[in-house]
Amino acid sequence: MMRYEKKGDVVIDHQTGLIWQANCTGPMEWENAVIYSRNLGDGWRLPEVSELITIINHSRYFPASDFPGIGSERHWSSSSDANDFSHAWYVDFDDGYVSYSARTYSNYVRCCQSSNQNKI
């Protein structure tokens, strides 16, 4: 079985059990990303940085992922920097770099949900 399965507007990750939006949105500031994810309803959420890391493939670059249709954009996570809550973590899918930036910076958003949330 392939790891990723695209079904309409979602991609199922059979390795982690997460369901991802097939397309990203943005760019937008972190606070707007949180609002966007909440407005989706049905269990959709901004992923934790530990979840975004699961779709990095460090053996690839431009983009550093096998995820269907992903580009080389930076994607916000819901994870705040523990030392400075005005910053949040992101993943740069250009090279798989993981870091944090000010929440006022604009990054892309790809929401996820647990597989038991969606009735595909």
PDB file of N, CA and C in Angstrom:
ATOM      1  N   MET A   1       0.844  -1.180   0.000  1.00  0.00           N
ATOM      2  CA  MET A   1       0.000   0.000   0.000  1.00  0.00           C
ATOM      3  C   MET A   1       0.889   1.243   0.000  1.00  0.00           C
ATOM      4  N   MET A   2       0.483   2.210  -0.790  1.00  0.00           N
ATOM      5  CA  MET A   2       1.208   3.478  -0.816  1.00  0.00           C
ATOM      6  C   MET A   2       0.950   4.238   0.482  1.00  0.00           C
ATOM      7  N   ARG A   3       1.933   5.018   0.886  1.00  0.00           N
ATOM      8  CA  ARG A   3       1.786   5.777   2.126  1.00  0.00           C
ATOM      9  C   ARG A   3       0.669   6.804   2.024  1.00  0.00           C
ATOM     10  N   TYR A   4       0.640   7.569   0.919  1.00  0.00           N
ATOM     11  CA  TYR A   4      -0.339   8.643   0.757  1.00  0.00           C
ATOM     12  C   TYR A   4      -1.403   8.239  -0.252  1.00  0.00           C
ATOM     13  N   GLU A   5      -2.640   8.522   0.105  1.00  0.00           N
ATOM     14  CA  GLU A   5      -3.765   8.247  -0.789  1.00  0.00           C
ATOM     15  C   GLU A   5      -4.608   9.516  -0.909  1.00  0.00           C
ATOM     16  N   LYS A   6      -4.673  10.048  -2.116  1.00  0.00           N
ATOM     17  CA  LYS A   6      -5.469  11.258  -2.348  1.00  0.00           C
ATOM     18  C   LYS A   6      -6.902  10.852  -2.647  1.00  0.00           C
ATOM     19  N   LYS A   7      -7.828  11.433  -1.889  1.00  0.00           N
ATOM     20  CA  LYS A   7      -9.257  11.188  -2.081  1.00  0.00           C
ATOM     21  C   LYS A   7      -9.960  12.535  -2.113  1.00  0.00           C
ATOM     22  N   GLY A   8     -10.197  13.034  -3.303  1.00  0.00           N
ATOM     23  CA  GLY A   8     -10.862  14.325  -3.425  1.00  0.00           C
ATOM     24  C   GLY A   8     -10.025  15.444  -2.850  1.00  0.00           C
ATOM     25  N   ASP A   9     -10.567  16.120  -1.845  1.00  0.00           N
ATOM     26  CA  ASP A   9      -9.906  17.280  -1.236  1.00  0.00           C
ATOM     27  C   ASP A   9      -9.005  16.924  -0.065  1.00  0.00           C
ATOM     28  N   VAL A  10      -8.798  15.628   0.181  1.00  0.00           N
ATOM     29  CA  VAL A  10      -7.964  15.214   1.311  1.00  0.00           C
ATOM     30  C   VAL A  10      -6.907  14.216   0.863  1.00  0.00           C
ATOM     31  N   VAL A  11      -5.872  14.086   1.692  1.00  0.00           N
ATOM     32  CA  VAL A  11      -4.838  13.075   1.504  1.00  0.00           C
ATOM     33  C   VAL A  11      -4.748  12.285   2.799  1.00  0.00           C
ATOM     34  N   ILE A  12      -4.886  10.974   2.694  1.00  0.00           N
ATOM     35  CA  ILE A  12      -4.785  10.092   3.856  1.00  0.00           C
ATOM     36  C   ILE A  12      -3.342   9.613   3.963  1.00  0.00           C
ATOM     37  N   ASP A  13      -2.761   9.774   5.139  1.00  0.00           N
ATOM     38  CA  ASP A  13      -1.418   9.282   5.418  1.00  0.00           C
ATOM     39  C   ASP A  13      -1.588   7.951   6.140  1.00  0.00           C
ATOM     40  N   HIS A  14      -1.366   6.861   5.423  1.00  0.00           N
ATOM     41  CA  HIS A  14      -1.573   5.533   6.000  1.00  0.00           C
ATOM     42  C   HIS A  14      -0.511   5.172   7.037  1.00  0.00           C
ATOM     43  N   GLN A  15       0.590   5.900   7.075  1.00  0.00           N
ATOM     44  CA  GLN A  15       1.634   5.637   8.072  1.00  0.00           C
ATOM     45  C   GLN A  15       1.267   6.226   9.429  1.00  0.00           C
ATOM     46  N   THR A  16       0.734   7.440   9.440  1.00  0.00           N
ATOM     47  CA  THR A  16       0.418   8.110  10.708  1.00  0.00           C
ATOM     48  C   THR A  16      -1.063   8.056  11.063  1.00  0.00           C
ATOM     49  N   GLY A  17      -1.913   7.788  10.075  1.00  0.00           N
ATOM     50  CA  GLY A  17      -3.354   7.808  10.304  1.00  0.00           C
ATOM     51  C   GLY A  17      -3.960   9.197  10.222  1.00  0.00           C
ATOM     52  N   LEU A  18      -3.152  10.199   9.907  1.00  0.00           N
ATOM     53  CA  LEU A  18      -3.674  11.560   9.786  1.00  0.00           C
ATOM     54  C   LEU A  18      -4.297  11.779   8.416  1.00  0.00           C
ATOM     55  N   ILE A  19      -5.289  12.642   8.386  1.00  0.00           N
ATOM     56  CA  ILE A  19      -5.908  13.080   7.143  1.00  0.00           C
ATOM     57  C   ILE A  19      -5.546  14.545   6.972  1.00  0.00           C
ATOM     58  N   TRP A  20      -5.023  14.883   5.814  1.00  0.00           N
ATOM     59  CA  TRP A  20      -4.537  16.230   5.520  1.00  0.00           C
ATOM     60  C   TRP A  20      -5.371  16.873   4.429  1.00  0.00           C
ATOM     61  N   GLN A  21      -5.450  18.192   4.451  1.00  0.00           N
ATOM     62  CA  GLN A  21      -6.008  18.905   3.315  1.00  0.00           C
ATOM     63  C   GLN A  21      -5.088  18.649   2.122  1.00  0.00           C
ATOM     64  N   ALA A  22      -5.673  18.388   0.971  1.00  0.00           N
ATOM     65  CA  ALA A  22      -4.862  18.139  -0.220  1.00  0.00           C
ATOM     66  C   ALA A  22      -4.152  19.405  -0.683  1.00  0.00           C
ATOM     67  N   ASN A  23      -4.767  20.549  -0.467  1.00  0.00           N
ATOM     68  CA  ASN A  23      -4.191  21.825  -0.904  1.00  0.00           C
ATOM     69  C   ASN A  23      -3.930  22.724   0.293  1.00  0.00           C
ATOM     70  N   CYS A  24      -2.847  23.477   0.206  1.00  0.00           N
ATOM     71  CA  CYS A  24      -2.560  24.432   1.271  1.00  0.00           C
ATOM     72  C   CYS A  24      -3.263  25.756   0.982  1.00  0.00           C
ATOM     73  N   THR A  25      -3.348  26.582   2.000  1.00  0.00           N
ATOM     74  CA  THR A  25      -3.971  27.898   1.922  1.00  0.00           C
ATOM     75  C   THR A  25      -2.968  28.920   2.429  1.00  0.00           C
ATOM     76  N   GLY A  26      -3.076  30.126   1.938  1.00  0.00           N
ATOM     77  CA  GLY A  26      -2.214  31.169   2.472  1.00  0.00           C
ATOM     78  C   GLY A  26      -1.475  31.893   1.383  1.00  0.00           C
ATOM     79  N   PRO A  27      -0.447  32.599   1.802  1.00  0.00           N
ATOM     80  CA  PRO A  27       0.106  32.684   3.154  1.00  0.00           C
ATOM     81  C   PRO A  27      -0.725  33.590   4.063  1.00  0.00           C
ATOM     82  N   MET A  28      -0.572  33.358   5.378  1.00  0.00           N
ATOM     83  CA  MET A  28      -1.282  34.149   6.381  1.00  0.00           C
ATOM     84  C   MET A  28      -0.518  34.131   7.694  1.00  0.00           C
ATOM     85  N   GLU A  29      -0.801  35.120   8.534  1.00  0.00           N
ATOM     86  CA  GLU A  29      -0.204  35.175   9.859  1.00  0.00           C
ATOM     87  C   GLU A  29      -0.740  34.023  10.709  1.00  0.00           C
ATOM     88  N   TRP A  30      -0.006  33.673  11.763  1.00  0.00           N
ATOM     89  CA  TRP A  30      -0.332  32.518  12.596  1.00  0.00           C
ATOM     90  C   TRP A  30      -1.738  32.611  13.191  1.00  0.00           C
ATOM     91  N   GLU A  31      -2.104  33.763  13.743  1.00  0.00           N
ATOM     92  CA  GLU A  31      -3.426  33.913  14.350  1.00  0.00           C
ATOM     93  C   GLU A  31      -4.532  33.649  13.328  1.00  0.00           C
ATOM     94  N   ASN A  32      -4.366  34.130  12.115  1.00  0.00           N
ATOM     95  CA  ASN A  32      -5.347  33.870  11.062  1.00  0.00           C
ATOM     96  C   ASN A  32      -5.365  32.400  10.672  1.00  0.00           C
ATOM     97  N   ALA A  33      -4.219  31.734  10.758  1.00  0.00           N
ATOM     98  CA  ALA A  33      -4.155  30.301  10.477  1.00  0.00           C
ATOM     99  C   ALA A  33      -4.960  29.514  11.507  1.00  0.00           C
ATOM    100  N   VAL A  34      -4.862  29.912  12.768  1.00  0.00           N
ATOM    101  CA  VAL A  34      -5.638  29.255  13.827  1.00  0.00           C
ATOM    102  C   VAL A  34      -7.133  29.463  13.588  1.00  0.00           C
ATOM    103  N   ILE A  35      -7.524  30.680  13.267  1.00  0.00           N
ATOM    104  CA  ILE A  35      -8.937  30.980  12.994  1.00  0.00           C
ATOM    105  C   ILE A  35      -9.421  30.183  11.786  1.00  0.00           C
ATOM    106  N   TYR A  36      -8.619  30.148  10.732  1.00  0.00           N
ATOM    107  CA  TYR A  36      -8.964  29.391   9.528  1.00  0.00           C
ATOM    108  C   TYR A  36      -9.221  27.926   9.872  1.00  0.00           C
ATOM    109  N   SER A  37      -8.323  27.322  10.648  1.00  0.00           N
ATOM    110  CA  SER A  37      -8.469  25.899  10.973  1.00  0.00           C
ATOM    111  C   SER A  37      -9.713  25.646  11.816  1.00  0.00           C
ATOM    112  N   ARG A  38     -10.004  26.523  12.756  1.00  0.00           N
ATOM    113  CA  ARG A  38     -11.209  26.371  13.583  1.00  0.00           C
ATOM    114  C   ARG A  38     -12.476  26.491  12.747  1.00  0.00           C
ATOM    115  N   ASN A  39     -12.462  27.395  11.780  1.00  0.00           N
ATOM    116  CA  ASN A  39     -13.640  27.602  10.943  1.00  0.00           C
ATOM    117  C   ASN A  39     -13.932  26.427  10.018  1.00  0.00           C
ATOM    118  N   LEU A  40     -12.955  25.558   9.793  1.00  0.00           N
ATOM    119  CA  LEU A  40     -13.195  24.378   8.964  1.00  0.00           C
ATOM    120  C   LEU A  40     -14.139  23.397   9.650  1.00  0.00           C
ATOM    121  N   GLY A  41     -14.117  23.361  11.001  1.00  0.00           N
ATOM    122  CA  GLY A  41     -14.977  22.446  11.751  1.00  0.00           C
ATOM    123  C   GLY A  41     -14.603  20.989  11.512  1.00  0.00           C
ATOM    124  N   ASP A  42     -15.492  20.084  11.898  1.00  0.00           N
ATOM    125  CA  ASP A  42     -15.351  18.638  11.673  1.00  0.00           C
ATOM    126  C   ASP A  42     -14.007  18.060  12.110  1.00  0.00           C
ATOM    127  N   GLY A  43     -13.401  18.617  13.157  1.00  0.00           N
ATOM    128  CA  GLY A  43     -12.153  18.065  13.676  1.00  0.00           C
ATOM    129  C   GLY A  43     -10.895  18.552  12.984  1.00  0.00           C
ATOM    130  N   TRP A  44     -11.023  19.427  11.994  1.00  0.00           N
ATOM    131  CA  TRP A  44      -9.837  19.980  11.341  1.00  0.00           C
ATOM    132  C   TRP A  44      -9.102  20.897  12.305  1.00  0.00           C
ATOM    133  N   ARG A  45      -7.760  20.889  12.218  1.00  0.00           N
ATOM    134  CA  ARG A  45      -6.957  21.709  13.120  1.00  0.00           C
ATOM    135  C   ARG A  45      -5.621  22.018  12.468  1.00  0.00           C
ATOM    136  N   LEU A  46      -4.980  23.028  13.004  1.00  0.00           N
ATOM    137  CA  LEU A  46      -3.616  23.344  12.611  1.00  0.00           C
ATOM    138  C   LEU A  46      -2.722  22.251  13.209  1.00  0.00           C
ATOM    139  N   PRO A  47      -1.872  21.603  12.421  1.00  0.00           N
ATOM    140  CA  PRO A  47      -1.084  20.488  12.952  1.00  0.00           C
ATOM    141  C   PRO A  47      -0.014  20.938  13.943  1.00  0.00           C
ATOM    142  N   GLU A  48       0.306  20.063  14.873  1.00  0.00           N
ATOM    143  CA  GLU A  48       1.448  20.283  15.752  1.00  0.00           C
ATOM    144  C   GLU A  48       2.717  20.137  14.915  1.00  0.00           C
ATOM    145  N   VAL A  49       3.802  20.730  15.363  1.00  0.00           N
ATOM    146  CA  VAL A  49       5.045  20.629  14.597  1.00  0.00           C
ATOM    147  C   VAL A  49       5.469  19.166  14.474  1.00  0.00           C
ATOM    148  N   SER A  50       5.204  18.356  15.493  1.00  0.00           N
ATOM    149  CA  SER A  50       5.564  16.935  15.436  1.00  0.00           C
ATOM    150  C   SER A  50       4.786  16.197  14.344  1.00  0.00           C
ATOM    151  N   GLU A  51       3.593  16.676  14.011  1.00  0.00           N
ATOM    152  CA  GLU A  51       2.810  16.071  12.929  1.00  0.00           C
ATOM    153  C   GLU A  51       3.314  16.537  11.564  1.00  0.00           C
ATOM    154  N   LEU A  52       3.632  17.814  11.440  1.00  0.00           N
ATOM    155  CA  LEU A  52       4.169  18.321  10.166  1.00  0.00           C
ATOM    156  C   LEU A  52       5.490  17.644   9.815  1.00  0.00           C
ATOM    157  N   ILE A  53       6.295  17.372  10.832  1.00  0.00           N
ATOM    158  CA  ILE A  53       7.593  16.731  10.605  1.00  0.00           C
ATOM    159  C   ILE A  53       7.430  15.361   9.952  1.00  0.00           C
ATOM    160  N   THR A  54       6.309  14.696  10.202  1.00  0.00           N
ATOM    161  CA  THR A  54       6.125  13.343   9.660  1.00  0.00           C
ATOM    162  C   THR A  54       6.019  13.319   8.143  1.00  0.00           C
ATOM    163  N   ILE A  55       5.725  14.450   7.508  1.00  0.00           N
ATOM    164  CA  ILE A  55       5.632  14.431   6.041  1.00  0.00           C
ATOM    165  C   ILE A  55       6.893  14.984   5.364  1.00  0.00           C
ATOM    166  N   ILE A  56       7.941  15.227   6.156  1.00  0.00           N
ATOM    167  CA  ILE A  56       9.241  15.599   5.575  1.00  0.00           C
ATOM    168  C   ILE A  56       9.935  14.331   5.083  1.00  0.00           C
ATOM    169  N   ASN A  57      10.571  14.427   3.934  1.00  0.00           N
ATOM    170  CA  ASN A  57      11.458  13.379   3.443  1.00  0.00           C
ATOM    171  C   ASN A  57      12.822  14.039   3.249  1.00  0.00           C
ATOM    172  N   HIS A  58      13.748  13.777   4.177  1.00  0.00           N
ATOM    173  CA  HIS A  58      15.055  14.444   4.153  1.00  0.00           C
ATOM    174  C   HIS A  58      15.953  13.978   3.009  1.00  0.00           C
ATOM    175  N   SER A  59      15.540  12.958   2.280  1.00  0.00           N
ATOM    176  CA  SER A  59      16.330  12.541   1.119  1.00  0.00           C
ATOM    177  C   SER A  59      15.911  13.293  -0.142  1.00  0.00           C
ATOM    178  N   ARG A  60      14.940  14.184  -0.014  1.00  0.00           N
ATOM    179  CA  ARG A  60      14.465  14.992  -1.149  1.00  0.00           C
ATOM    180  C   ARG A  60      14.593  16.475  -0.818  1.00  0.00           C
ATOM    181  N   TYR A  61      14.657  17.274  -1.867  1.00  0.00           N
ATOM    182  CA  TYR A  61      14.674  18.731  -1.719  1.00  0.00           C
ATOM    183  C   TYR A  61      13.839  19.350  -2.825  1.00  0.00           C
ATOM    184  N   PHE A  62      13.301  20.509  -2.526  1.00  0.00           N
ATOM    185  CA  PHE A  62      12.556  21.332  -3.499  1.00  0.00           C
ATOM    186  C   PHE A  62      11.366  20.607  -4.118  1.00  0.00           C
ATOM    187  N   PRO A  63      10.475  19.978  -3.452  1.00  0.00           N
ATOM    188  CA  PRO A  63      10.260  20.021  -2.013  1.00  0.00           C
ATOM    189  C   PRO A  63      10.874  18.826  -1.290  1.00  0.00           C
ATOM    190  N   ALA A  64      11.002  18.973   0.018  1.00  0.00           N
ATOM    191  CA  ALA A  64      11.553  17.925   0.879  1.00  0.00           C
ATOM    192  C   ALA A  64      10.422  17.051   1.419  1.00  0.00           C
ATOM    193  N   SER A  65       9.630  16.502   0.503  1.00  0.00           N
ATOM    194  CA  SER A  65       8.490  15.673   0.896  1.00  0.00           C
ATOM    195  C   SER A  65       7.997  14.875  -0.302  1.00  0.00           C
ATOM    196  N   ASP A  66       7.381  13.728  -0.010  1.00  0.00           N
ATOM    197  CA  ASP A  66       6.706  12.921  -1.027  1.00  0.00           C
ATOM    198  C   ASP A  66       5.208  13.192  -1.038  1.00  0.00           C
ATOM    199  N   PHE A  67       4.756  14.088  -0.171  1.00  0.00           N
ATOM    200  CA  PHE A  67       3.334  14.388  -0.049  1.00  0.00           C
ATOM    201  C   PHE A  67       2.814  14.879  -1.399  1.00  0.00           C
ATOM    202  N   PRO A  68       1.688  14.341  -1.869  1.00  0.00           N
ATOM    203  CA  PRO A  68       1.182  14.697  -3.201  1.00  0.00           C
ATOM    204  C   PRO A  68       0.914  16.194  -3.361  1.00  0.00           C
ATOM    205  N   GLY A  69       1.522  16.786  -4.364  1.00  0.00           N
ATOM    206  CA  GLY A  69       1.245  18.171  -4.707  1.00  0.00           C
ATOM    207  C   GLY A  69       1.834  19.221  -3.788  1.00  0.00           C
ATOM    208  N   ILE A  70       2.653  18.817  -2.819  1.00  0.00           N
ATOM    209  CA  ILE A  70       3.219  19.811  -1.897  1.00  0.00           C
ATOM    210  C   ILE A  70       4.284  20.630  -2.622  1.00  0.00           C
ATOM    211  N   GLY A  71       4.341  21.898  -2.287  1.00  0.00           N
ATOM    212  CA  GLY A  71       5.357  22.777  -2.852  1.00  0.00           C
ATOM    213  C   GLY A  71       6.476  23.006  -1.851  1.00  0.00           C
ATOM    214  N   SER A  72       7.249  24.017  -2.097  1.00  0.00           N
ATOM    215  CA  SER A  72       8.405  24.321  -1.249  1.00  0.00           C
ATOM    216  C   SER A  72       8.114  25.422  -0.240  1.00  0.00           C
ATOM    217  N   GLU A  73       6.872  25.563   0.172  1.00  0.00           N
ATOM    218  CA  GLU A  73       6.475  26.640   1.074  1.00  0.00           C
ATOM    219  C   GLU A  73       6.761  26.305   2.536  1.00  0.00           C
ATOM    220  N   ARG A  74       6.755  27.350   3.349  1.00  0.00           N
ATOM    221  CA  ARG A  74       6.783  27.186   4.809  1.00  0.00           C
ATOM    222  C   ARG A  74       5.345  27.003   5.281  1.00  0.00           C
ATOM    223  N   HIS A  75       5.146  26.040   6.186  1.00  0.00           N
ATOM    224  CA  HIS A  75       3.813  25.753   6.716  1.00  0.00           C
ATOM    225  C   HIS A  75       3.805  25.958   8.234  1.00  0.00           C
ATOM    226  N   TRP A  76       2.805  26.678   8.710  1.00  0.00           N
ATOM    227  CA  TRP A  76       2.636  26.891  10.152  1.00  0.00           C
ATOM    228  C   TRP A  76       2.257  25.600  10.862  1.00  0.00           C
ATOM    229  N   SER A  77       2.689  25.498  12.100  1.00  0.00           N
ATOM    230  CA  SER A  77       2.185  24.485  13.024  1.00  0.00           C
ATOM    231  C   SER A  77       1.422  25.206  14.127  1.00  0.00           C
ATOM    232  N   SER A  78       0.734  24.439  14.945  1.00  0.00           N
ATOM    233  CA  SER A  78       0.030  25.022  16.098  1.00  0.00           C
ATOM    234  C   SER A  78       0.958  25.202  17.289  1.00  0.00           C
ATOM    235  N   SER A  79       2.179  24.687  17.185  1.00  0.00           N
ATOM    236  CA  SER A  79       3.117  24.666  18.308  1.00  0.00           C
ATOM    237  C   SER A  79       3.787  26.017  18.520  1.00  0.00           C
ATOM    238  N   SER A  80       3.661  26.530  19.733  1.00  0.00           N
ATOM    239  CA  SER A  80       4.316  27.789  20.097  1.00  0.00           C
ATOM    240  C   SER A  80       5.734  27.514  20.571  1.00  0.00           C
ATOM    241  N   ASP A  81       6.587  28.509  20.443  1.00  0.00           N
ATOM    242  CA  ASP A  81       7.929  28.427  21.006  1.00  0.00           C
ATOM    243  C   ASP A  81       7.795  28.525  22.522  1.00  0.00           C
ATOM    244  N   ALA A  82       8.316  27.543  23.245  1.00  0.00           N
ATOM    245  CA  ALA A  82       8.163  27.497  24.701  1.00  0.00           C
ATOM    246  C   ALA A  82       8.819  28.684  25.405  1.00  0.00           C
ATOM    247  N   ASN A  83       9.805  29.298  24.780  1.00  0.00           N
ATOM    248  CA  ASN A  83      10.512  30.424  25.397  1.00  0.00           C
ATOM    249  C   ASN A  83       9.960  31.787  25.003  1.00  0.00           C
ATOM    250  N   ASP A  84       9.145  31.817  23.961  1.00  0.00           N
ATOM    251  CA  ASP A  84       8.619  33.096  23.471  1.00  0.00           C
ATOM    252  C   ASP A  84       7.296  32.836  22.761  1.00  0.00           C
ATOM    253  N   PHE A  85       6.198  33.067  23.469  1.00  0.00           N
ATOM    254  CA  PHE A  85       4.886  32.750  22.917  1.00  0.00           C
ATOM    255  C   PHE A  85       4.465  33.665  21.775  1.00  0.00           C
ATOM    256  N   SER A  86       5.277  34.658  21.441  1.00  0.00           N
ATOM    257  CA  SER A  86       4.985  35.477  20.263  1.00  0.00           C
ATOM    258  C   SER A  86       5.537  34.822  18.991  1.00  0.00           C
ATOM    259  N   HIS A  87       6.141  33.638  19.153  1.00  0.00           N
ATOM    260  CA  HIS A  87       6.692  32.880  18.036  1.00  0.00           C
ATOM    261  C   HIS A  87       6.032  31.503  17.967  1.00  0.00           C
ATOM    262  N   ALA A  88       5.954  30.945  16.768  1.00  0.00           N
ATOM    263  CA  ALA A  88       5.403  29.599  16.572  1.00  0.00           C
ATOM    264  C   ALA A  88       6.304  28.841  15.595  1.00  0.00           C
ATOM    265  N   TRP A  89       6.245  27.518  15.680  1.00  0.00           N
ATOM    266  CA  TRP A  89       7.078  26.650  14.857  1.00  0.00           C
ATOM    267  C   TRP A  89       6.479  26.479  13.466  1.00  0.00           C
ATOM    268  N   TYR A  90       7.353  26.304  12.492  1.00  0.00           N
ATOM    269  CA  TYR A  90       6.943  26.039  11.114  1.00  0.00           C
ATOM    270  C   TYR A  90       7.887  25.003  10.508  1.00  0.00           C
ATOM    271  N   VAL A  91       7.455  24.420   9.391  1.00  0.00           N
ATOM    272  CA  VAL A  91       8.302  23.535   8.596  1.00  0.00           C
ATOM    273  C   VAL A  91       8.442  24.164   7.217  1.00  0.00           C
ATOM    274  N   ASP A  92       9.677  24.269   6.760  1.00  0.00           N
ATOM    275  CA  ASP A  92       9.964  24.773   5.419  1.00  0.00           C
ATOM    276  C   ASP A  92      10.148  23.559   4.510  1.00  0.00           C
ATOM    277  N   PHE A  93       9.191  23.333   3.620  1.00  0.00           N
ATOM    278  CA  PHE A  93       9.252  22.156   2.759  1.00  0.00           C
ATOM    279  C   PHE A  93      10.177  22.334   1.563  1.00  0.00           C
ATOM    280  N   ASP A  94      10.870  23.445   1.481  1.00  0.00           N
ATOM    281  CA  ASP A  94      11.911  23.621   0.481  1.00  0.00           C
ATOM    282  C   ASP A  94      13.042  22.628   0.752  1.00  0.00           C
ATOM    283  N   ASP A  95      13.482  22.587   2.026  1.00  0.00           N
ATOM    284  CA  ASP A  95      14.610  21.735   2.399  1.00  0.00           C
ATOM    285  C   ASP A  95      14.372  20.910   3.664  1.00  0.00           C
ATOM    286  N   GLY A  96      13.159  20.968   4.228  1.00  0.00           N
ATOM    287  CA  GLY A  96      12.848  20.210   5.434  1.00  0.00           C
ATOM    288  C   GLY A  96      13.288  20.885   6.714  1.00  0.00           C
ATOM    289  N   TYR A  97      13.677  22.142   6.635  1.00  0.00           N
ATOM    290  CA  TYR A  97      14.144  22.903   7.792  1.00  0.00           C
ATOM    291  C   TYR A  97      12.976  23.171   8.744  1.00  0.00           C
ATOM    292  N   VAL A  98      13.204  22.967  10.032  1.00  0.00           N
ATOM    293  CA  VAL A  98      12.191  23.203  11.059  1.00  0.00           C
ATOM    294  C   VAL A  98      12.699  24.313  11.972  1.00  0.00           C
ATOM    295  N   SER A  99      11.893  25.348  12.148  1.00  0.00           N
ATOM    296  CA  SER A  99      12.305  26.468  12.983  1.00  0.00           C
ATOM    297  C   SER A  99      11.064  27.202  13.477  1.00  0.00           C
ATOM    298  N   TYR A 100      11.277  28.350  14.095  1.00  0.00           N
ATOM    299  CA  TYR A 100      10.163  29.167  14.565  1.00  0.00           C
ATOM    300  C   TYR A 100      10.358  30.595  14.081  1.00  0.00           C
ATOM    301  N   SER A 101       9.251  31.310  14.011  1.00  0.00           N
ATOM    302  CA  SER A 101       9.305  32.719  13.618  1.00  0.00           C
ATOM    303  C   SER A 101       8.197  33.467  14.335  1.00  0.00           C
ATOM    304  N   ALA A 102       8.242  34.775  14.236  1.00  0.00           N
ATOM    305  CA  ALA A 102       7.188  35.604  14.825  1.00  0.00           C
ATOM    306  C   ALA A 102       5.842  35.213  14.221  1.00  0.00           C
ATOM    307  N   ARG A 103       4.827  35.201  15.054  1.00  0.00           N
ATOM    308  CA  ARG A 103       3.489  34.831  14.588  1.00  0.00           C
ATOM    309  C   ARG A 103       2.935  35.822  13.571  1.00  0.00           C
ATOM    310  N   THR A 104       3.547  36.986  13.474  1.00  0.00           N
ATOM    311  CA  THR A 104       3.104  37.991  12.506  1.00  0.00           C
ATOM    312  C   THR A 104       3.658  37.728  11.106  1.00  0.00           C
ATOM    313  N   TYR A 105       4.567  36.760  10.989  1.00  0.00           N
ATOM    314  CA  TYR A 105       5.095  36.373   9.687  1.00  0.00           C
ATOM    315  C   TYR A 105       4.021  35.566   8.958  1.00  0.00           C
ATOM    316  N   SER A 106       3.989  35.623   7.652  1.00  0.00           N
ATOM    317  CA  SER A 106       2.984  34.882   6.879  1.00  0.00           C
ATOM    318  C   SER A 106       3.572  33.598   6.311  1.00  0.00           C
ATOM    319  N   ASN A 107       2.959  32.477   6.663  1.00  0.00           N
ATOM    320  CA  ASN A 107       3.299  31.157   6.142  1.00  0.00           C
ATOM    321  C   ASN A 107       2.033  30.500   5.604  1.00  0.00           C
ATOM    322  N   TYR A 108       2.209  29.375   4.941  1.00  0.00           N
ATOM    323  CA  TYR A 108       1.069  28.632   4.406  1.00  0.00           C
ATOM    324  C   TYR A 108       0.472  27.730   5.481  1.00  0.00           C
ATOM    325  N   VAL A 109      -0.712  27.225   5.198  1.00  0.00           N
ATOM    326  CA  VAL A 109      -1.455  26.412   6.160  1.00  0.00           C
ATOM    327  C   VAL A 109      -1.972  25.164   5.456  1.00  0.00           C
ATOM    328  N   ARG A 110      -1.741  24.009   6.076  1.00  0.00           N
ATOM    329  CA  ARG A 110      -2.317  22.742   5.620  1.00  0.00           C
ATOM    330  C   ARG A 110      -2.830  22.046   6.872  1.00  0.00           C
ATOM    331  N   CYS A 111      -4.130  22.022   7.035  1.00  0.00           N
ATOM    332  CA  CYS A 111      -4.736  21.471   8.247  1.00  0.00           C
ATOM    333  C   CYS A 111      -4.816  19.951   8.178  1.00  0.00           C
ATOM    334  N   CYS A 112      -4.988  19.346   9.349  1.00  0.00           N
ATOM    335  CA  CYS A 112      -5.100  17.897   9.435  1.00  0.00           C
ATOM    336  C   CYS A 112      -6.190  17.533  10.431  1.00  0.00           C
ATOM    337  N   GLN A 113      -6.508  16.271  10.453  1.00  0.00           N
ATOM    338  CA  GLN A 113      -7.425  15.725  11.441  1.00  0.00           C
ATOM    339  C   GLN A 113      -7.074  14.257  11.648  1.00  0.00           C
ATOM    340  N   SER A 114      -7.507  13.721  12.773  1.00  0.00           N
ATOM    341  CA  SER A 114      -7.304  12.302  13.045  1.00  0.00           C
ATOM    342  C   SER A 114      -8.227  11.498  12.150  1.00  0.00           C
ATOM    343  N   SER A 115      -7.812  10.304  11.787  1.00  0.00           N
ATOM    344  CA  SER A 115      -8.590   9.510  10.831  1.00  0.00           C
ATOM    345  C   SER A 115      -9.975   9.151  11.343  1.00  0.00           C
ATOM    346  N   ASN A 116     -10.175   9.123  12.656  1.00  0.00           N
ATOM    347  CA  ASN A 116     -11.500   8.790  13.184  1.00  0.00           C
ATOM    348  C   ASN A 116     -12.450   9.984  13.162  1.00  0.00           C
ATOM    349  N   GLN A 117     -11.970  11.165  12.745  1.00  0.00           N
ATOM    350  CA  GLN A 117     -12.802  12.368  12.684  1.00  0.00           C
ATOM    351  C   GLN A 117     -13.586  12.464  11.383  1.00  0.00           C
ATOM    352  N   ASN A 118     -13.053  11.879  10.317  1.00  0.00           N
ATOM    353  CA  ASN A 118     -13.634  12.069   8.992  1.00  0.00           C
ATOM    354  C   ASN A 118     -14.279  10.778   8.512  1.00  0.00           C
ATOM    355  N   LYS A 119     -15.412  10.899   7.920  1.00  0.00           N
ATOM    356  CA  LYS A 119     -16.119   9.731   7.397  1.00  0.00           C
ATOM    357  C   LYS A 119     -15.931   9.684   5.888  1.00  0.00           C
ATOM    358  N   ILE A 120     -14.761   9.219   5.481  1.00  0.00           N
ATOM    359  CA  ILE A 120     -14.427   9.174   4.054  1.00  0.00           C
ATOM    360  C   ILE A 120     -15.019   7.932   3.428  1.00  0.00           C
TER     361      ILE A 120
END
